Amino acid sequence: MQYYELTTLKTVIFGAGKAAPGIQEFLAAPDAQGTLLGAWFSDIGSLNEVYLLKGFENYDALIAERKRVRLSDNPFNCVDLLLNIDMQSYLPFDFMPPVQTGEFGKVYEIRTYHTRLNGLAPTIEKWREAVPARAEMSALTIAMYAIDGSPRFTQIWPYASANERAEVRAKSVAEGVWPPKGGPDWLTSDMTSTLAIPMPFSPLQ
């Protein structure tokens, strides 16, 4: 995949489960563009949210899908359950392989960092050096940087459980594998992290 899009749907209280059938149908429509890679609902972090990761072979397809959503009279077939739709476009870190779907974990961490204004290129180099060793401890689904909005990047990590996440992160820090050496120097204090559960129709499980 050349481009990725991460969509956040803010739902009414307990709206994610009710919205799931409509979301699945909307994403499978004949005129839908791109490939659905992951669909999750938030469990720890910002609640009442659904996250959709799609991949696109080219920018024209990404824009066509965004246009389809924006001009729809019933976006994601659940507009009555939605409070907001946030669609963000990304490019993968250049050393990352395309997202592979399948069963990798019951909990996914979606983690976003904002960087200094000139921090993306140095960050990618720091991550390039450190990710191979870190990925031996637990898989990394994708690391990607935003091409719209403020300078930031997002990582998605699967884990068997929240406990495994805590254990792996503690081990990676204790052994000096993570965070990348010098990497935090290029970050700001604007960071978010959400633990999310795959929806039944998510290709990433």
Protein backbone atom coordinates (compact mmCIF):
# COMPACT_ATOMS: atom_id res chain seq x y z
CA MET A 1 0.00 0.00 0.00
CA GLN A 2 1.25 3.47 -0.89
CA TYR A 3 -1.19 5.44 1.27
CA TYR A 4 -3.12 4.78 4.43
CA GLU A 5 -6.11 6.46 5.98
CA LEU A 6 -7.08 6.26 9.64
CA THR A 7 -10.67 7.28 10.28
CA THR A 8 -12.00 7.94 13.77
CA LEU A 9 -15.74 7.77 14.26
CA LYS A 10 -16.93 9.38 17.48
CA THR A 11 -20.18 7.71 18.46
CA VAL A 12 -22.90 8.30 20.99
CA ILE A 13 -22.54 6.40 24.28
CA PHE A 14 -22.42 2.65 23.56
CA GLY A 15 -22.80 3.47 19.87
CA ALA A 16 -19.93 1.39 18.45
CA GLY A 17 -21.71 -1.95 18.61
CA LYS A 18 -24.93 -0.53 17.21
CA ALA A 19 -23.05 1.17 14.37
CA ALA A 20 -21.00 -1.89 13.36
CA PRO A 21 -23.43 -3.40 10.80
CA GLY A 22 -23.86 -0.09 9.00
CA ILE A 23 -20.13 0.57 8.97
CA GLN A 24 -19.41 -2.86 7.54
CA GLU A 25 -22.03 -2.40 4.82
CA PHE A 26 -20.76 1.08 3.91
CA LEU A 27 -17.17 -0.15 3.59
CA ALA A 28 -18.24 -3.05 1.37
CA ALA A 29 -20.32 -0.93 -1.03
CA PRO A 30 -19.58 -1.46 -4.76
CA ASP A 31 -18.28 2.10 -5.15
CA ALA A 32 -16.03 1.98 -2.07
CA GLN A 33 -12.35 2.66 -2.72
CA GLY A 34 -9.34 1.20 -0.96
CA THR A 35 -8.85 -1.92 1.13
CA LEU A 36 -10.10 -2.26 4.67
CA LEU A 37 -7.24 -3.45 6.88
CA GLY A 38 -8.48 -2.93 10.41
CA ALA A 39 -11.59 -1.92 12.34
CA TRP A 40 -11.55 -1.47 16.10
CA PHE A 41 -13.56 0.06 18.93
CA SER A 42 -11.87 1.82 21.81
CA ASP A 43 -11.59 0.07 25.17
CA ILE A 44 -9.05 2.12 27.13
CA GLY A 45 -8.38 5.74 26.25
CA SER A 46 -10.85 7.89 24.32
CA LEU A 47 -14.11 5.99 24.67
CA ASN A 48 -17.04 5.59 22.27
CA GLU A 49 -14.79 5.65 19.23
CA VAL A 50 -14.36 3.41 16.20
CA TYR A 51 -11.09 3.31 14.23
CA LEU A 52 -10.88 2.25 10.59
CA LEU A 53 -7.57 1.66 8.82
CA LYS A 54 -7.71 1.52 5.02
CA GLY A 55 -4.97 1.14 2.45
CA PHE A 56 -4.85 2.72 -1.00
CA GLU A 57 -2.62 2.05 -3.98
CA ASN A 58 -2.70 5.69 -5.08
CA TYR A 59 -3.74 9.12 -3.86
CA ASP A 60 -6.60 9.44 -6.36
CA ALA A 61 -8.32 6.43 -4.81
CA LEU A 62 -7.88 7.88 -1.33
CA ILE A 63 -9.42 11.18 -2.38
CA ALA A 64 -12.29 9.40 -4.15
CA GLU A 65 -13.14 7.51 -0.97
CA ARG A 66 -12.91 10.62 1.15
CA LYS A 67 -15.23 12.39 -1.28
CA ARG A 68 -17.67 9.46 -1.05
CA VAL A 69 -17.77 9.79 2.73
CA ARG A 70 -17.99 13.57 2.82
CA LEU A 71 -20.82 13.80 0.31
CA SER A 72 -22.84 10.91 1.68
CA ASP A 73 -26.25 11.67 3.19
CA ASN A 74 -25.68 8.78 5.59
CA PRO A 75 -21.92 8.36 6.12
CA PHE A 76 -21.00 4.86 7.28
CA ASN A 77 -24.73 4.08 7.26
CA CYS A 78 -24.99 5.16 10.88
CA VAL A 79 -25.15 8.96 10.87
CA ASP A 80 -27.70 8.98 13.70
CA LEU A 81 -25.12 7.32 15.95
CA LEU A 82 -22.20 9.57 14.99
CA LEU A 83 -20.98 12.74 16.66
CA ASN A 84 -17.90 13.30 14.48
CA ILE A 85 -15.86 11.83 11.63
CA ASP A 86 -12.11 12.51 11.51
CA MET A 87 -10.21 11.22 8.47
CA GLN A 88 -6.42 11.41 8.42
CA SER A 89 -4.07 10.49 5.57
CA TYR A 90 -0.72 8.81 6.09
CA LEU A 91 2.37 7.53 4.33
CA PRO A 92 4.25 4.55 5.80
CA PHE A 93 7.73 4.95 7.22
CA ASP A 94 9.80 3.96 4.19
CA PHE A 95 11.26 0.84 5.82
CA MET A 96 7.86 -0.59 6.79
CA PRO A 97 6.41 -3.44 4.71
CA PRO A 98 2.74 -3.23 3.69
CA VAL A 99 0.26 -4.07 6.42
CA GLN A 100 -0.40 -7.80 6.56
CA THR A 101 -3.84 -8.81 7.79
CA GLY A 102 -4.57 -11.85 9.94
CA GLU A 103 -4.75 -12.78 13.61
CA PHE A 104 -2.09 -11.00 15.67
CA GLY A 105 -3.68 -10.01 18.97
CA LYS A 106 -6.87 -9.38 20.87
CA VAL A 107 -5.83 -5.83 21.83
CA TYR A 108 -4.30 -3.22 19.53
CA GLU A 109 -2.54 -0.09 20.73
CA ILE A 110 -3.04 2.92 18.47
CA ARG A 111 -0.41 5.42 19.53
CA THR A 112 0.16 8.88 18.06
CA TYR A 113 3.09 11.22 18.68
CA HIS A 114 3.43 14.82 17.55
CA THR A 115 6.93 15.84 16.52
CA ARG A 116 8.87 19.06 16.43
CA LEU A 117 8.32 20.96 13.18
CA ASN A 118 11.53 19.52 11.73
CA GLY A 119 11.30 16.23 13.56
CA LEU A 120 9.74 13.73 11.18
CA ALA A 121 12.82 12.87 9.12
CA PRO A 122 15.08 12.36 12.18
CA THR A 123 12.32 10.33 13.85
CA ILE A 124 12.07 7.97 10.88
CA GLU A 125 15.83 7.38 11.02
CA LYS A 126 15.74 6.67 14.76
CA TRP A 127 12.85 4.26 14.30
CA ARG A 128 14.62 2.59 11.36
CA GLU A 129 17.49 1.69 13.67
CA ALA A 130 15.38 0.52 16.61
CA VAL A 131 12.27 -1.15 15.18
CA PRO A 132 13.88 -4.48 14.15
CA ALA A 133 14.96 -5.30 17.70
CA ARG A 134 11.69 -4.01 19.16
CA ALA A 135 9.61 -6.00 16.66
CA GLU A 136 11.30 -9.20 17.87
CA MET A 137 9.53 -8.64 21.19
CA SER A 138 6.10 -7.98 19.66
CA ALA A 139 4.80 -7.28 16.19
CA LEU A 140 4.41 -3.82 14.73
CA THR A 141 1.45 -3.52 12.36
CA ILE A 142 2.47 -0.16 10.90
CA ALA A 143 4.37 3.04 11.61
CA MET A 144 3.17 5.92 9.42
CA TYR A 145 3.37 9.69 9.31
CA ALA A 146 0.54 12.11 8.59
CA ILE A 147 0.52 14.07 5.35
CA ASP A 148 -2.18 16.48 6.51
CA GLY A 149 -2.54 18.51 9.71
CA SER A 150 0.27 19.00 12.20
CA PRO A 151 3.51 16.93 12.10
CA ARG A 152 2.79 13.59 13.76
CA PHE A 153 3.02 9.86 13.29
CA THR A 154 1.00 6.87 14.40
CA GLN A 155 2.00 3.35 15.34
CA ILE A 156 -0.29 0.34 15.69
CA TRP A 157 0.86 -2.58 17.85
CA PRO A 158 -1.07 -5.83 18.45
CA TYR A 159 -0.90 -7.68 21.77
CA ALA A 160 -2.52 -10.77 23.23
CA SER A 161 -3.75 -8.68 26.16
CA ALA A 162 -3.25 -5.43 28.02
CA ASN A 163 -1.06 -7.34 30.48
CA GLU A 164 1.20 -8.57 27.69
CA ARG A 165 1.53 -5.01 26.42
CA ALA A 166 2.69 -3.81 29.85
CA GLU A 167 5.14 -6.69 30.17
CA VAL A 168 6.65 -6.22 26.69
CA ARG A 169 6.98 -2.48 27.06
CA ALA A 170 8.64 -2.84 30.47
CA LYS A 171 11.07 -5.41 29.07
CA SER A 172 11.92 -3.29 26.04
CA VAL A 173 12.73 -0.32 28.26
CA ALA A 174 14.71 -2.39 30.76
CA GLU A 175 16.85 -3.90 27.99
CA GLY A 176 17.39 -0.53 26.29
CA VAL A 177 15.63 -1.61 23.11
CA TRP A 178 12.89 1.01 23.28
CA PRO A 179 12.29 3.90 22.92
CA PRO A 180 14.72 4.52 20.06
CA LYS A 181 17.89 6.14 21.33
CA GLY A 182 17.55 9.88 20.78
CA GLY A 183 14.06 9.44 19.36
CA PRO A 184 12.16 11.27 22.11
CA ASP A 185 14.35 14.35 21.51
CA TRP A 186 12.30 15.04 18.38
CA LEU A 187 8.89 14.63 20.00
CA THR A 188 6.59 17.10 21.72
CA SER A 189 4.54 16.35 24.82
CA ASP A 190 1.41 15.93 22.67
CA MET A 191 0.93 12.15 22.71
CA THR A 192 -2.11 9.89 22.75
CA SER A 193 -2.58 6.17 23.19
CA THR A 194 -5.71 4.03 22.94
CA LEU A 195 -6.18 0.32 23.46
CA ALA A 196 -8.74 -0.94 20.97
CA ILE A 197 -10.51 -4.24 20.31
CA PRO A 198 -10.97 -5.62 16.78
CA MET A 199 -14.53 -5.56 15.48
CA PRO A 200 -15.87 -8.88 14.13
CA PHE A 201 -15.42 -7.84 10.48
CA SER A 202 -11.88 -6.47 10.93
CA PRO A 203 -9.26 -8.13 8.68
CA LEU A 204 -6.74 -7.45 11.48
CA GLN A 205 -7.66 -9.59 14.48
